[in-house]
N, C-alpha and C. Protein backbone atom coordinates (compact mmCIF):
# COMPACT_ATOMS: atom_id res chain seq x y z
N UNK A 1 215.94 -12.01 129.02
CA UNK A 1 217.20 -12.75 128.97
C UNK A 1 218.33 -11.81 129.31
N UNK A 2 218.22 -10.52 129.01
CA UNK A 2 219.29 -9.58 129.35
C UNK A 2 219.51 -9.44 130.83
N UNK A 3 218.44 -9.64 131.58
CA UNK A 3 218.54 -9.58 133.04
C UNK A 3 219.48 -10.62 133.58
N UNK A 4 219.46 -11.82 132.94
CA UNK A 4 220.36 -12.89 133.41
C UNK A 4 221.80 -12.43 133.19
N UNK A 5 222.04 -11.80 132.04
CA UNK A 5 223.42 -11.42 131.73
C UNK A 5 223.86 -10.27 132.60
N UNK A 6 222.97 -9.31 132.88
CA UNK A 6 223.32 -8.12 133.62
C UNK A 6 223.43 -8.43 135.12
N UNK A 7 222.46 -9.15 135.69
CA UNK A 7 222.48 -9.45 137.11
C UNK A 7 223.44 -10.58 137.42
N UNK A 8 223.53 -11.55 136.53
CA UNK A 8 224.44 -12.63 136.69
C UNK A 8 223.92 -13.69 137.65
N UNK A 9 224.20 -15.01 137.28
CA UNK A 9 223.95 -16.10 138.21
C UNK A 9 222.48 -16.29 138.62
N UNK A 10 222.32 -16.87 139.81
CA UNK A 10 221.02 -17.23 140.29
C UNK A 10 220.17 -16.00 140.54
N UNK A 11 220.77 -14.90 141.02
CA UNK A 11 220.02 -13.71 141.30
C UNK A 11 219.28 -13.23 140.03
N UNK A 12 220.00 -13.23 138.92
CA UNK A 12 219.40 -12.84 137.66
C UNK A 12 218.25 -13.74 137.29
N UNK A 13 218.40 -15.04 137.54
CA UNK A 13 217.35 -16.01 137.24
C UNK A 13 216.11 -15.73 138.10
N UNK A 14 216.30 -15.42 139.34
CA UNK A 14 215.15 -15.15 140.23
C UNK A 14 214.39 -13.92 139.75
N UNK A 15 215.08 -12.95 139.18
CA UNK A 15 214.43 -11.72 138.81
C UNK A 15 213.87 -11.72 137.39
N UNK A 16 214.03 -12.87 136.71
CA UNK A 16 213.58 -12.94 135.32
C UNK A 16 212.03 -12.81 135.28
N UNK A 17 211.48 -11.89 134.50
CA UNK A 17 210.05 -11.67 134.45
C UNK A 17 209.33 -12.95 133.92
N UNK A 18 208.13 -13.17 134.44
CA UNK A 18 207.38 -14.36 134.04
C UNK A 18 207.02 -14.32 132.56
N UNK A 19 206.90 -13.09 132.00
CA UNK A 19 206.61 -12.99 130.57
C UNK A 19 207.79 -13.49 129.74
N UNK A 20 209.03 -13.21 130.19
CA UNK A 20 210.22 -13.71 129.49
C UNK A 20 210.30 -15.21 129.59
N UNK A 21 209.87 -15.75 130.75
CA UNK A 21 209.89 -17.23 130.94
C UNK A 21 208.97 -17.87 129.93
N UNK A 22 207.78 -17.32 129.81
CA UNK A 22 206.76 -17.93 128.92
C UNK A 22 207.08 -17.72 127.43
N UNK A 23 207.65 -16.60 127.09
CA UNK A 23 207.84 -16.29 125.68
C UNK A 23 209.18 -16.71 125.17
N UNK A 24 210.20 -16.85 126.02
CA UNK A 24 211.54 -17.15 125.60
C UNK A 24 212.01 -18.51 126.13
N UNK A 25 212.03 -18.64 127.46
CA UNK A 25 212.58 -19.86 128.07
C UNK A 25 211.75 -21.08 127.73
N UNK A 26 210.42 -21.00 127.85
CA UNK A 26 209.60 -22.15 127.59
C UNK A 26 209.73 -22.70 126.18
N UNK A 27 209.70 -21.86 125.14
CA UNK A 27 209.95 -22.38 123.80
C UNK A 27 211.30 -23.08 123.63
N UNK A 28 212.33 -22.49 124.28
CA UNK A 28 213.66 -23.13 124.21
C UNK A 28 213.61 -24.53 124.82
N UNK A 29 213.00 -24.58 126.03
CA UNK A 29 212.88 -25.92 126.72
C UNK A 29 212.10 -26.91 125.87
N UNK A 30 211.01 -26.43 125.27
CA UNK A 30 210.18 -27.27 124.39
C UNK A 30 211.01 -27.85 123.26
N UNK A 31 211.78 -27.04 122.61
CA UNK A 31 212.61 -27.48 121.50
C UNK A 31 213.66 -28.49 121.96
N UNK A 32 214.30 -28.22 123.10
CA UNK A 32 215.30 -29.15 123.63
C UNK A 32 214.66 -30.51 123.91
N UNK A 33 213.42 -30.48 124.45
CA UNK A 33 212.72 -31.76 124.77
C UNK A 33 212.40 -32.52 123.49
N UNK A 34 212.26 -31.81 122.36
CA UNK A 34 211.96 -32.49 121.08
C UNK A 34 213.17 -33.18 120.48
N UNK A 35 214.36 -32.77 120.82
CA UNK A 35 215.54 -33.25 120.17
C UNK A 35 215.65 -34.80 120.14
N UNK A 36 215.45 -35.50 121.24
CA UNK A 36 215.50 -37.00 121.16
C UNK A 36 214.52 -37.57 120.18
N UNK A 37 213.33 -36.97 120.06
CA UNK A 37 212.34 -37.43 119.07
C UNK A 37 212.80 -37.20 117.66
N UNK A 38 213.41 -36.01 117.44
CA UNK A 38 213.93 -35.68 116.10
C UNK A 38 215.07 -36.61 115.74
N UNK A 39 215.86 -36.99 116.72
CA UNK A 39 216.94 -37.97 116.47
C UNK A 39 216.43 -39.29 116.12
N UNK A 40 215.36 -39.72 116.78
CA UNK A 40 214.71 -40.99 116.45
C UNK A 40 214.19 -41.01 115.05
N UNK A 41 213.52 -39.91 114.64
CA UNK A 41 212.97 -39.78 113.29
C UNK A 41 214.12 -39.84 112.27
N UNK A 42 215.20 -39.10 112.56
CA UNK A 42 216.36 -39.08 111.62
C UNK A 42 216.96 -40.46 111.48
N UNK A 43 217.02 -41.21 112.57
CA UNK A 43 217.58 -42.60 112.52
C UNK A 43 216.66 -43.53 111.72
N UNK A 44 215.35 -43.32 111.85
CA UNK A 44 214.45 -44.18 111.08
C UNK A 44 214.65 -43.98 109.58
N UNK A 45 214.90 -42.76 109.17
CA UNK A 45 215.10 -42.47 107.76
C UNK A 45 216.56 -42.47 107.31
N UNK A 46 217.44 -42.90 108.22
CA UNK A 46 218.84 -43.01 107.92
C UNK A 46 219.54 -41.71 107.63
N UNK A 47 219.15 -40.65 108.29
CA UNK A 47 219.75 -39.34 108.13
C UNK A 47 220.82 -39.10 109.13
N UNK A 48 221.85 -38.40 108.72
CA UNK A 48 222.93 -37.93 109.65
C UNK A 48 223.54 -39.06 110.45
N UNK A 49 223.69 -40.27 109.81
CA UNK A 49 224.21 -41.41 110.53
C UNK A 49 225.64 -41.18 111.05
N UNK A 50 226.39 -40.40 110.31
CA UNK A 50 227.81 -40.14 110.74
C UNK A 50 227.85 -39.36 112.07
N UNK A 51 226.76 -38.66 112.36
CA UNK A 51 226.72 -37.80 113.55
C UNK A 51 225.95 -38.40 114.69
N UNK A 52 224.80 -39.02 114.38
CA UNK A 52 223.92 -39.50 115.42
C UNK A 52 223.82 -41.04 115.50
N UNK A 53 224.47 -41.71 114.55
CA UNK A 53 224.41 -43.18 114.50
C UNK A 53 223.05 -43.66 113.91
N UNK A 54 223.05 -44.94 113.64
CA UNK A 54 221.84 -45.57 113.04
C UNK A 54 221.15 -46.42 114.07
N UNK A 55 220.19 -47.21 113.61
CA UNK A 55 219.41 -48.08 114.49
C UNK A 55 220.02 -49.51 114.59
N UNK A 56 221.07 -49.76 113.83
CA UNK A 56 221.79 -51.06 113.99
C UNK A 56 221.08 -52.22 113.35
N UNK A 57 221.49 -53.43 113.79
CA UNK A 57 220.97 -54.62 113.16
C UNK A 57 219.60 -54.98 113.67
N UNK A 58 219.20 -54.44 114.81
CA UNK A 58 217.86 -54.64 115.31
C UNK A 58 217.17 -53.33 115.51
N UNK A 59 216.67 -52.75 114.42
CA UNK A 59 216.17 -51.38 114.46
C UNK A 59 214.99 -51.17 115.41
N UNK A 60 214.07 -52.14 115.47
CA UNK A 60 212.88 -51.97 116.33
C UNK A 60 213.31 -51.94 117.80
N UNK A 61 214.16 -52.84 118.17
CA UNK A 61 214.61 -52.83 119.58
C UNK A 61 215.38 -51.55 119.88
N UNK A 62 216.23 -51.13 118.95
CA UNK A 62 216.97 -49.89 119.17
C UNK A 62 216.07 -48.69 119.31
N UNK A 63 215.02 -48.65 118.50
CA UNK A 63 214.06 -47.52 118.57
C UNK A 63 213.33 -47.56 119.87
N UNK A 64 212.89 -48.76 120.31
CA UNK A 64 212.19 -48.89 121.58
C UNK A 64 213.06 -48.44 122.75
N UNK A 65 214.32 -48.90 122.69
CA UNK A 65 215.25 -48.54 123.77
C UNK A 65 215.47 -47.03 123.85
N UNK A 66 215.65 -46.40 122.67
CA UNK A 66 215.91 -44.94 122.61
C UNK A 66 214.75 -44.18 123.21
N UNK A 67 213.52 -44.54 122.78
CA UNK A 67 212.32 -43.81 123.32
C UNK A 67 212.09 -44.08 124.80
N UNK A 68 212.23 -45.36 125.21
CA UNK A 68 212.02 -45.70 126.58
C UNK A 68 213.02 -45.05 127.51
N UNK A 69 214.30 -45.03 127.12
CA UNK A 69 215.31 -44.42 127.96
C UNK A 69 215.06 -42.94 128.14
N UNK A 70 214.68 -42.27 127.02
CA UNK A 70 214.42 -40.84 127.14
C UNK A 70 213.14 -40.57 127.92
N UNK A 71 212.17 -41.45 127.85
CA UNK A 71 210.99 -41.32 128.68
C UNK A 71 211.33 -41.33 130.14
N UNK A 72 212.18 -42.28 130.55
CA UNK A 72 212.60 -42.43 131.91
C UNK A 72 213.43 -41.21 132.34
N UNK A 73 214.34 -40.76 131.47
CA UNK A 73 215.13 -39.54 131.78
C UNK A 73 214.21 -38.35 132.01
N UNK A 74 213.23 -38.17 131.19
CA UNK A 74 212.34 -37.02 131.39
C UNK A 74 211.50 -37.11 132.66
N UNK A 75 211.17 -38.33 133.05
CA UNK A 75 210.47 -38.50 134.37
C UNK A 75 211.41 -38.02 135.51
N UNK A 76 212.65 -38.44 135.48
CA UNK A 76 213.60 -38.01 136.50
C UNK A 76 213.86 -36.50 136.45
N UNK A 77 213.99 -35.95 135.25
CA UNK A 77 214.21 -34.51 135.12
C UNK A 77 213.00 -33.74 135.69
N UNK A 78 211.78 -34.22 135.37
CA UNK A 78 210.58 -33.55 135.89
C UNK A 78 210.58 -33.57 137.42
N UNK A 79 211.06 -34.66 137.99
CA UNK A 79 211.01 -34.78 139.45
C UNK A 79 212.08 -33.92 140.12
N UNK A 80 213.10 -33.48 139.35
CA UNK A 80 214.12 -32.60 139.94
C UNK A 80 213.69 -31.15 139.98
N UNK A 81 212.60 -30.80 139.31
CA UNK A 81 212.18 -29.40 139.21
C UNK A 81 211.90 -28.85 140.61
N UNK A 82 211.07 -29.57 141.40
CA UNK A 82 210.70 -29.03 142.72
C UNK A 82 211.88 -28.92 143.66
N UNK A 83 212.76 -29.93 143.80
CA UNK A 83 213.94 -29.76 144.65
C UNK A 83 214.82 -28.57 144.20
N UNK A 84 214.99 -28.42 142.91
CA UNK A 84 215.80 -27.29 142.42
C UNK A 84 215.13 -25.94 142.69
N UNK A 85 213.80 -25.94 142.54
CA UNK A 85 213.04 -24.72 142.81
C UNK A 85 213.25 -24.29 144.25
N UNK A 86 213.17 -25.24 145.17
CA UNK A 86 213.31 -24.95 146.61
C UNK A 86 214.77 -24.59 146.94
N UNK A 87 215.71 -25.33 146.35
CA UNK A 87 217.12 -25.14 146.66
C UNK A 87 217.62 -23.77 146.15
N UNK A 88 217.25 -23.43 144.90
CA UNK A 88 217.73 -22.19 144.27
C UNK A 88 216.77 -21.03 144.52
N UNK A 89 215.60 -21.32 145.05
CA UNK A 89 214.58 -20.29 145.28
C UNK A 89 214.26 -19.47 144.02
N UNK A 90 214.04 -20.25 142.94
CA UNK A 90 213.58 -19.63 141.67
C UNK A 90 212.16 -20.07 141.42
N UNK A 91 211.19 -19.21 141.73
CA UNK A 91 209.76 -19.61 141.69
C UNK A 91 209.28 -20.07 140.36
N UNK A 92 209.82 -19.56 139.26
CA UNK A 92 209.24 -19.91 137.99
C UNK A 92 209.75 -21.27 137.45
N UNK A 93 210.65 -21.92 138.18
CA UNK A 93 211.06 -23.28 137.80
C UNK A 93 209.87 -24.23 137.72
N UNK A 94 208.89 -23.96 138.59
CA UNK A 94 207.69 -24.78 138.60
C UNK A 94 206.92 -24.81 137.28
N UNK A 95 207.19 -23.78 136.44
CA UNK A 95 206.48 -23.67 135.16
C UNK A 95 206.79 -24.84 134.26
N UNK A 96 207.92 -25.54 134.54
CA UNK A 96 208.38 -26.63 133.61
C UNK A 96 207.98 -28.00 134.02
N UNK A 97 207.36 -28.17 135.18
CA UNK A 97 206.93 -29.50 135.59
C UNK A 97 206.01 -30.14 134.60
N UNK A 98 205.01 -29.42 134.21
CA UNK A 98 203.99 -29.98 133.31
C UNK A 98 204.59 -30.36 131.96
N UNK A 99 205.32 -29.44 131.34
CA UNK A 99 205.85 -29.72 130.02
C UNK A 99 206.83 -30.93 130.03
N UNK A 100 207.65 -31.02 131.09
CA UNK A 100 208.58 -32.15 131.21
C UNK A 100 207.81 -33.44 131.42
N UNK A 101 206.78 -33.37 132.25
CA UNK A 101 205.94 -34.58 132.51
C UNK A 101 205.24 -35.04 131.26
N UNK A 102 204.72 -34.12 130.48
CA UNK A 102 204.03 -34.45 129.24
C UNK A 102 205.00 -35.04 128.24
N UNK A 103 206.22 -34.54 128.18
CA UNK A 103 207.18 -35.13 127.26
C UNK A 103 207.57 -36.51 127.75
N UNK A 104 207.67 -36.71 129.05
CA UNK A 104 207.95 -38.08 129.58
C UNK A 104 206.82 -39.02 129.11
N UNK A 105 205.58 -38.58 129.24
CA UNK A 105 204.45 -39.42 128.79
C UNK A 105 204.54 -39.67 127.27
N UNK A 106 204.90 -38.67 126.52
CA UNK A 106 204.97 -38.79 125.04
C UNK A 106 206.02 -39.85 124.67
N UNK A 107 207.19 -39.81 125.28
CA UNK A 107 208.20 -40.76 124.96
C UNK A 107 207.90 -42.21 125.44
N UNK A 108 207.33 -42.30 126.60
CA UNK A 108 206.92 -43.62 127.08
C UNK A 108 205.82 -44.19 126.23
N UNK A 109 204.83 -43.37 125.83
CA UNK A 109 203.74 -43.85 124.99
C UNK A 109 204.32 -44.29 123.64
N UNK A 110 205.27 -43.48 123.07
CA UNK A 110 205.86 -43.87 121.81
C UNK A 110 206.63 -45.19 121.94
N UNK A 111 207.33 -45.37 123.01
CA UNK A 111 208.01 -46.63 123.33
C UNK A 111 207.04 -47.80 123.30
N UNK A 112 205.86 -47.61 123.94
CA UNK A 112 204.86 -48.65 123.97
C UNK A 112 204.29 -48.89 122.58
N UNK A 113 204.04 -47.83 121.83
CA UNK A 113 203.43 -48.00 120.50
C UNK A 113 204.36 -48.71 119.55
N UNK A 114 205.66 -48.48 119.68
CA UNK A 114 206.65 -49.23 118.83
C UNK A 114 206.55 -50.71 119.19
N UNK A 115 206.46 -51.01 120.50
CA UNK A 115 206.31 -52.39 120.93
C UNK A 115 205.02 -52.98 120.40
N UNK A 116 203.92 -52.24 120.51
CA UNK A 116 202.60 -52.73 120.16
C UNK A 116 202.46 -52.91 118.65
N UNK A 117 202.91 -51.94 117.85
CA UNK A 117 202.65 -51.98 116.42
C UNK A 117 203.78 -52.66 115.64
N UNK A 118 205.02 -52.33 115.94
CA UNK A 118 206.13 -52.84 115.15
C UNK A 118 206.71 -54.16 115.69
N UNK A 119 206.85 -54.22 116.98
CA UNK A 119 207.47 -55.44 117.56
C UNK A 119 206.48 -56.61 117.59
N UNK A 120 205.21 -56.31 118.06
CA UNK A 120 204.22 -57.36 118.18
C UNK A 120 203.20 -57.39 117.05
N UNK A 121 203.16 -56.36 116.20
CA UNK A 121 202.24 -56.33 115.09
C UNK A 121 200.74 -56.42 115.51
N UNK A 122 200.46 -55.80 116.65
CA UNK A 122 199.08 -55.83 117.20
C UNK A 122 198.49 -57.20 117.47
N UNK A 123 199.40 -58.13 117.73
CA UNK A 123 198.94 -59.51 118.07
C UNK A 123 198.60 -59.50 119.57
N UNK A 124 197.33 -59.23 119.85
CA UNK A 124 196.85 -58.98 121.21
C UNK A 124 197.09 -60.20 122.12
N UNK A 125 196.97 -61.42 121.55
CA UNK A 125 197.14 -62.60 122.36
C UNK A 125 198.54 -62.63 122.91
N UNK A 126 199.55 -62.37 122.10
CA UNK A 126 200.95 -62.40 122.57
C UNK A 126 201.28 -61.24 123.44
N UNK A 127 200.62 -60.10 123.18
CA UNK A 127 200.86 -58.94 124.03
C UNK A 127 200.36 -59.19 125.46
N UNK A 128 199.15 -59.77 125.57
CA UNK A 128 198.59 -60.13 126.87
C UNK A 128 199.49 -61.13 127.62
N UNK A 129 199.98 -62.11 126.87
CA UNK A 129 200.89 -63.10 127.45
C UNK A 129 202.17 -62.41 127.94
N UNK A 130 202.66 -61.50 127.14
CA UNK A 130 203.88 -60.77 127.58
C UNK A 130 203.67 -60.00 128.88
N UNK A 131 202.53 -59.26 128.91
CA UNK A 131 202.24 -58.45 130.09
C UNK A 131 202.07 -59.35 131.33
N UNK A 132 201.44 -60.50 131.17
CA UNK A 132 201.17 -61.39 132.34
C UNK A 132 202.38 -62.21 132.75
N UNK A 133 203.21 -62.58 131.81
CA UNK A 133 204.29 -63.55 132.07
C UNK A 133 205.67 -62.92 132.20
N UNK A 134 205.92 -61.80 131.54
CA UNK A 134 207.23 -61.15 131.58
C UNK A 134 207.13 -59.97 132.53
N UNK A 135 207.79 -60.12 133.68
CA UNK A 135 207.57 -59.16 134.78
C UNK A 135 208.02 -57.73 134.42
N UNK A 136 209.09 -57.60 133.66
CA UNK A 136 209.50 -56.19 133.33
C UNK A 136 208.50 -55.50 132.44
N UNK A 137 207.77 -56.26 131.59
CA UNK A 137 206.73 -55.67 130.81
C UNK A 137 205.52 -55.31 131.64
N UNK A 138 205.25 -56.15 132.64
CA UNK A 138 204.18 -55.85 133.59
C UNK A 138 204.42 -54.49 134.27
N UNK A 139 205.64 -54.32 134.75
CA UNK A 139 205.99 -53.04 135.39
C UNK A 139 205.86 -51.86 134.44
N UNK A 140 206.29 -52.06 133.21
CA UNK A 140 206.17 -51.02 132.17
C UNK A 140 204.73 -50.62 131.95
N UNK A 141 203.79 -51.61 131.89
CA UNK A 141 202.40 -51.33 131.66
C UNK A 141 201.80 -50.54 132.82
N UNK A 142 202.17 -50.92 134.04
CA UNK A 142 201.65 -50.19 135.23
C UNK A 142 202.14 -48.76 135.16
N UNK A 143 203.40 -48.56 134.82
CA UNK A 143 203.93 -47.19 134.69
C UNK A 143 203.20 -46.40 133.64
N UNK A 144 202.91 -47.02 132.51
CA UNK A 144 202.18 -46.29 131.42
C UNK A 144 200.78 -45.91 131.88
N UNK A 145 200.10 -46.80 132.63
CA UNK A 145 198.74 -46.47 133.09
C UNK A 145 198.78 -45.29 134.07
N UNK A 146 199.74 -45.29 134.96
CA UNK A 146 199.87 -44.20 135.92
C UNK A 146 200.22 -42.89 135.19
N UNK A 147 201.12 -42.97 134.23
CA UNK A 147 201.50 -41.80 133.45
C UNK A 147 200.31 -41.23 132.66
N UNK A 148 199.50 -42.12 132.13
CA UNK A 148 198.33 -41.71 131.39
C UNK A 148 197.34 -40.96 132.27
N UNK A 149 197.17 -41.47 133.51
CA UNK A 149 196.29 -40.77 134.44
C UNK A 149 196.78 -39.40 134.77
N UNK A 150 198.09 -39.26 134.92
CA UNK A 150 198.66 -37.95 135.24
C UNK A 150 198.60 -36.99 134.05
N UNK A 151 198.83 -37.52 132.83
CA UNK A 151 198.74 -36.69 131.66
C UNK A 151 197.26 -36.22 131.43
N UNK A 152 196.32 -37.10 131.67
CA UNK A 152 194.92 -36.76 131.45
C UNK A 152 194.41 -35.71 132.49
N UNK A 153 195.08 -35.63 133.61
CA UNK A 153 194.67 -34.70 134.65
C UNK A 153 195.65 -33.53 134.81
N UNK A 154 196.45 -33.28 133.78
CA UNK A 154 197.50 -32.26 133.91
C UNK A 154 197.05 -30.84 133.64
N UNK A 155 195.80 -30.68 133.15
CA UNK A 155 195.34 -29.31 132.83
C UNK A 155 194.89 -28.58 134.11
N UNK A 156 194.85 -27.28 134.02
CA UNK A 156 194.42 -26.44 135.15
C UNK A 156 192.96 -26.71 135.52
N UNK A 157 192.15 -27.04 134.50
CA UNK A 157 190.71 -27.33 134.76
C UNK A 157 190.61 -28.60 135.60
N UNK A 158 191.37 -29.67 135.22
CA UNK A 158 191.29 -30.86 136.00
C UNK A 158 191.88 -30.70 137.42
N UNK A 159 192.85 -29.84 137.54
CA UNK A 159 193.42 -29.57 138.87
C UNK A 159 192.38 -28.91 139.79
N UNK A 160 191.60 -27.96 139.22
CA UNK A 160 190.56 -27.33 140.01
C UNK A 160 189.43 -28.31 140.37
N UNK A 161 189.11 -29.16 139.45
CA UNK A 161 188.03 -30.14 139.68
C UNK A 161 188.40 -31.16 140.72
N UNK A 162 189.62 -31.71 140.65
CA UNK A 162 190.04 -32.76 141.56
C UNK A 162 190.48 -32.24 142.95
N UNK A 163 190.86 -31.01 143.00
CA UNK A 163 191.27 -30.36 144.28
C UNK A 163 192.42 -31.17 144.96
N UNK A 164 192.21 -31.63 146.17
CA UNK A 164 193.26 -32.37 146.87
C UNK A 164 193.61 -33.67 146.23
N UNK A 165 192.68 -34.32 145.52
CA UNK A 165 192.98 -35.56 144.85
C UNK A 165 193.98 -35.44 143.73
N UNK A 166 194.07 -34.22 143.16
CA UNK A 166 194.99 -33.98 142.07
C UNK A 166 196.41 -34.24 142.52
N UNK A 167 196.80 -33.74 143.71
CA UNK A 167 198.13 -33.92 144.24
C UNK A 167 198.42 -35.39 144.48
N UNK A 168 197.43 -36.10 145.00
CA UNK A 168 197.63 -37.53 145.29
C UNK A 168 197.89 -38.33 143.99
N UNK A 169 197.18 -37.96 142.91
CA UNK A 169 197.39 -38.62 141.63
C UNK A 169 198.83 -38.37 141.14
N UNK A 170 199.29 -37.10 141.25
CA UNK A 170 200.54 -36.69 140.69
C UNK A 170 201.75 -37.09 141.57
N UNK A 171 201.49 -37.50 142.80
CA UNK A 171 202.53 -38.11 143.58
C UNK A 171 202.95 -39.45 142.97
N UNK A 172 202.07 -39.97 142.08
CA UNK A 172 202.36 -41.23 141.40
C UNK A 172 203.61 -41.10 140.52
N UNK A 173 204.10 -39.92 140.27
CA UNK A 173 205.31 -39.73 139.46
C UNK A 173 206.49 -40.45 140.10
N UNK A 174 206.49 -40.50 141.45
CA UNK A 174 207.60 -41.19 142.13
C UNK A 174 207.45 -42.70 141.93
N UNK A 175 206.22 -43.19 141.97
CA UNK A 175 205.97 -44.62 141.71
C UNK A 175 206.41 -44.97 140.31
N UNK A 176 206.06 -44.09 139.34
CA UNK A 176 206.43 -44.30 137.94
C UNK A 176 207.96 -44.36 137.80
N UNK A 177 208.63 -43.47 138.48
CA UNK A 177 210.11 -43.44 138.42
C UNK A 177 210.72 -44.75 138.96
N UNK A 178 210.17 -45.20 140.10
CA UNK A 178 210.69 -46.47 140.65
C UNK A 178 210.40 -47.64 139.72
N UNK A 179 209.18 -47.73 139.23
CA UNK A 179 208.81 -48.82 138.33
C UNK A 179 209.57 -48.73 137.02
N UNK A 180 209.81 -47.50 136.53
CA UNK A 180 210.55 -47.35 135.27
C UNK A 180 211.98 -47.81 135.38
N UNK A 181 212.64 -47.48 136.49
CA UNK A 181 213.99 -47.93 136.74
C UNK A 181 214.04 -49.44 136.91
N UNK A 182 213.08 -49.99 137.60
CA UNK A 182 212.96 -51.43 137.84
C UNK A 182 212.77 -52.13 136.47
N UNK A 183 211.86 -51.61 135.68
CA UNK A 183 211.58 -52.16 134.33
C UNK A 183 212.87 -52.20 133.49
N UNK A 184 213.61 -51.09 133.54
CA UNK A 184 214.84 -51.01 132.74
C UNK A 184 215.91 -51.94 133.28
N UNK A 185 216.01 -52.04 134.64
CA UNK A 185 216.99 -52.90 135.28
C UNK A 185 216.80 -54.36 134.86
N UNK A 186 215.52 -54.80 134.92
CA UNK A 186 215.27 -56.19 134.56
C UNK A 186 215.44 -56.44 133.06
N UNK A 187 215.24 -55.39 132.27
CA UNK A 187 215.37 -55.56 130.81
C UNK A 187 216.80 -55.73 130.38
N UNK A 188 217.73 -54.94 130.94
CA UNK A 188 219.11 -54.95 130.45
C UNK A 188 219.85 -56.22 130.81
N UNK A 189 219.50 -56.84 131.99
CA UNK A 189 220.03 -58.13 132.44
C UNK A 189 221.53 -58.09 132.80
N UNK A 190 222.39 -57.68 131.89
CA UNK A 190 223.83 -57.78 132.13
C UNK A 190 224.43 -56.47 132.62
N UNK A 191 224.54 -55.51 131.74
CA UNK A 191 225.13 -54.22 132.09
C UNK A 191 224.10 -53.32 132.78
N UNK A 192 224.18 -53.27 134.10
CA UNK A 192 223.18 -52.50 134.86
C UNK A 192 223.68 -51.13 135.26
N UNK A 193 224.77 -50.67 134.68
CA UNK A 193 225.38 -49.40 135.08
C UNK A 193 224.37 -48.24 134.96
N UNK A 194 223.72 -48.13 133.80
CA UNK A 194 222.82 -46.98 133.57
C UNK A 194 221.60 -47.07 134.49
N UNK A 195 220.88 -48.21 134.55
CA UNK A 195 219.77 -48.26 135.49
C UNK A 195 220.18 -48.05 136.95
N UNK A 196 221.41 -48.44 137.29
CA UNK A 196 221.89 -48.22 138.66
C UNK A 196 222.03 -46.72 138.94
N UNK A 197 222.54 -46.01 137.96
CA UNK A 197 222.61 -44.53 138.12
C UNK A 197 221.27 -43.90 138.30
N UNK A 198 220.30 -44.37 137.48
CA UNK A 198 218.94 -43.85 137.61
C UNK A 198 218.31 -44.18 138.94
N UNK A 199 218.65 -45.41 139.43
CA UNK A 199 218.12 -45.80 140.77
C UNK A 199 218.66 -44.88 141.83
N UNK A 200 219.92 -44.53 141.73
CA UNK A 200 220.54 -43.63 142.69
C UNK A 200 219.90 -42.25 142.64
N UNK A 201 219.58 -41.76 141.45
CA UNK A 201 218.93 -40.47 141.31
C UNK A 201 217.55 -40.51 141.95
N UNK A 202 216.80 -41.59 141.70
CA UNK A 202 215.48 -41.73 142.36
C UNK A 202 215.62 -41.74 143.86
N UNK A 203 216.62 -42.44 144.37
CA UNK A 203 216.89 -42.48 145.81
C UNK A 203 217.09 -41.08 146.36
N UNK A 204 217.91 -40.28 145.63
CA UNK A 204 218.14 -38.90 146.11
C UNK A 204 216.88 -38.04 146.07
N UNK A 205 216.11 -38.19 144.99
CA UNK A 205 214.88 -37.40 144.85
C UNK A 205 213.89 -37.77 145.97
N UNK A 206 213.71 -39.04 146.20
CA UNK A 206 212.81 -39.45 147.31
C UNK A 206 213.29 -38.99 148.63
N UNK A 207 214.61 -39.10 148.83
CA UNK A 207 215.21 -38.61 150.10
C UNK A 207 214.98 -37.14 150.29
N UNK A 208 215.13 -36.33 149.24
CA UNK A 208 214.91 -34.88 149.37
C UNK A 208 213.45 -34.59 149.68
N UNK A 209 212.55 -35.32 149.05
CA UNK A 209 211.14 -35.16 149.28
C UNK A 209 210.74 -35.44 150.74
N UNK A 210 211.23 -36.57 151.21
CA UNK A 210 210.98 -36.99 152.59
C UNK A 210 211.58 -35.97 153.56
N UNK A 211 212.81 -35.53 153.31
CA UNK A 211 213.47 -34.56 154.19
C UNK A 211 212.67 -33.20 154.21
N UNK A 212 212.15 -32.82 153.12
CA UNK A 212 211.33 -31.59 153.03
C UNK A 212 210.07 -31.72 153.80
N UNK A 213 209.41 -32.88 153.73
CA UNK A 213 208.15 -33.14 154.44
C UNK A 213 208.40 -33.12 155.93
N UNK A 214 209.49 -33.78 156.35
CA UNK A 214 209.79 -33.79 157.78
C UNK A 214 210.14 -32.39 158.31
N UNK A 215 210.83 -31.59 157.50
CA UNK A 215 211.15 -30.19 157.94
C UNK A 215 209.88 -29.37 158.05
N UNK A 216 208.90 -29.65 157.17
CA UNK A 216 207.63 -28.89 157.25
C UNK A 216 206.89 -29.22 158.54
N UNK A 217 206.90 -30.52 158.91
CA UNK A 217 206.21 -30.94 160.17
C UNK A 217 206.87 -30.30 161.38
N UNK A 218 208.22 -30.22 161.37
CA UNK A 218 208.89 -29.62 162.47
C UNK A 218 208.59 -28.12 162.60
């Protein structure tokens, strides 16, 4: 960490030893990623309401929204790692793709479990009806399935076993981002400001990916 202060700016970041990244930066990132979950737990137990707010008159819906929104945000943050890595030429940025992706999966899975257990009370008949008849829930389920596949294959062992297929599976992160924004857009119905911002971010991320691929071909 002293190298950042001494060298200053991006140059210091580039020179940061990989040991410092793993022992210092990664734990900090891990804790930051936990904060939305800790806030959710605090709201469930009515702690620190003056600072973080409560769950309101519809606590289950508020909890689902909180977890789902943060799941989508982590998907988008994870997708920004590669463009930032290439733009700033900081090789160790890639170290954070997995942890951010796994946190995205954790929050989306928690969002689904709140829906499954608290909102629907494990009433499978109504859950199946919801998935088949309510289109935004259909999109959410597809996203969760794709995220589960990526989480299950996120280890180095699975990467070695799958070889080229690993990359194809994990390109699904872009599909998850699109479906996640679409799911959110259809859910909010009236005020689409936030999902519109997320849609713009996805557009920029896809554009940067396509531009990079085209530059590679040239």
